[in-house]
Protein backbone atom coordinates (compact mmCIF):
# COMPACT_ATOMS: atom_id res chain seq x y z
CA MET A 1 -4.71 20.04 0.19
CA PRO A 2 -6.39 22.49 2.61
CA ASP A 3 -7.50 25.92 1.41
CA GLY A 4 -9.00 27.61 4.44
CA ASP A 5 -11.90 25.43 5.56
CA ARG A 6 -12.17 23.48 2.30
CA ARG A 7 -9.94 21.00 0.51
CA VAL A 8 -8.72 21.51 -3.04
CA CYS A 9 -6.94 19.21 -5.48
CA ALA A 10 -3.16 19.56 -5.24
CA ALA A 11 -2.85 19.03 -9.01
CA CYS A 12 -5.40 21.53 -10.34
CA GLY A 13 -6.89 23.53 -7.44
CA THR A 14 -10.47 22.27 -8.00
CA PRO A 15 -12.51 21.81 -4.79
CA VAL A 16 -12.43 18.20 -3.59
CA ARG A 17 -15.79 16.47 -3.16
CA SER A 18 -16.42 13.75 -0.61
CA TYR A 19 -18.96 11.10 0.36
CA GLN A 20 -19.22 8.63 3.24
CA TYR A 21 -21.48 5.63 3.61
CA ARG A 22 -22.05 2.88 6.11
CA PHE A 23 -20.97 -0.58 5.08
CA TYR A 24 -22.18 -2.55 8.10
CA PRO A 25 -25.73 -2.85 9.49
CA PRO A 26 -26.69 -0.92 12.66
CA GLU A 27 -26.62 -4.05 14.82
CA SER A 28 -22.97 -4.75 13.91
CA ALA A 29 -20.12 -3.83 16.26
CA LEU A 30 -18.38 -2.49 13.11
CA PHE A 31 -21.21 -0.04 12.28
CA GLU A 32 -18.95 2.97 12.92
CA ARG A 33 -16.44 1.78 10.30
CA CYS A 34 -17.56 3.45 7.09
CA ILE A 35 -16.30 3.90 3.55
CA GLY A 36 -15.13 7.42 2.70
CA PHE A 37 -14.36 8.75 -0.79
CA ALA A 38 -12.77 12.04 -1.82
CA TRP A 39 -12.32 13.03 -5.45
CA CYS A 40 -11.45 15.80 -7.87
CA SER A 41 -14.07 16.30 -10.56
CA ALA A 42 -11.58 17.88 -12.94
CA CYS A 43 -8.66 15.42 -12.65
CA ARG A 44 -10.83 12.34 -12.03
CA ILE A 45 -8.46 11.35 -9.21
CA TYR A 46 -10.05 9.75 -6.16
CA ALA A 47 -9.16 8.07 -2.89
CA GLY A 48 -11.21 5.67 -0.83
CA ASN A 49 -10.58 4.77 2.79
CA MET A 50 -12.17 3.15 5.79
CA VAL A 51 -13.22 6.03 8.09
CA HIS A 52 -14.75 6.25 11.56
CA VAL A 53 -18.19 7.85 11.78
CA PRO A 54 -19.85 7.95 15.22
CA ARG A 55 -22.90 5.73 15.54
CA LYS A 56 -25.18 8.72 16.29
CA ARG A 57 -24.20 10.65 13.14
CA VAL A 58 -26.72 10.12 10.35
CA LEU A 59 -25.23 9.76 6.87
CA VAL A 60 -27.19 10.68 3.76
CA ASP A 61 -27.67 7.72 1.42
CA ALA A 62 -27.23 9.20 -2.05
CA LEU A 63 -28.47 5.96 -3.64
CA ALA A 64 -31.64 5.62 -1.54
CA SER A 65 -34.02 6.82 -4.26
CA LEU A 66 -32.72 4.37 -6.88
CA PRO A 67 -34.22 0.98 -7.68
CA ARG A 68 -32.40 -1.91 -5.96
CA GLU A 69 -30.83 -3.24 -9.19
CA GLN A 70 -29.40 0.17 -10.09
CA ARG A 71 -28.09 0.71 -6.53
CA GLU A 72 -26.31 -2.63 -6.61
CA ARG A 73 -24.79 -2.00 -10.05
CA ILE A 74 -23.47 1.42 -9.02
CA ALA A 75 -22.18 0.18 -5.65
CA ARG A 76 -20.15 -2.64 -7.25
CA SER A 77 -17.72 -0.18 -8.83
CA GLU A 78 -15.91 2.66 -7.06
CA THR A 79 -15.49 4.59 -10.31
CA ARG A 80 -19.17 4.14 -11.21
CA LEU A 81 -20.20 5.31 -7.73
CA ILE A 82 -18.00 8.40 -7.91
CA GLU A 83 -19.23 9.24 -11.44
CA PHE A 84 -22.83 8.97 -10.22
CA LEU A 85 -22.16 11.12 -7.14
CA ASP A 86 -20.24 13.69 -9.18
CA ARG A 87 -23.09 14.03 -11.71
CA ARG A 88 -25.62 14.32 -8.90
CA LEU A 89 -23.64 17.07 -7.15
CA ARG A 90 -23.03 18.91 -10.43
CA ASP A 91 -26.74 18.82 -11.35
CA ARG A 92 -27.93 20.19 -7.98
CA PRO A 93 -29.52 23.63 -8.16
């Protein structure tokens, strides 16, 4: 639900967080088709969709600093990924 220039949860009014990542490699014709998540940290409600992100736009890989095994384990579960991202955003200074 929009609140000025930000989105808030319709159920509780908490700001909605979001994350997008590329699913296909750069050489793929489908590179611009990305996965997008939006979630409420308070309600634990989330939505995931396929979204279009222009090829030239660089997306931050929130899992880049993790060891390969941990990245793969987190990426296999939408809820695990969102929990990881939510903790990371909450712990930022």
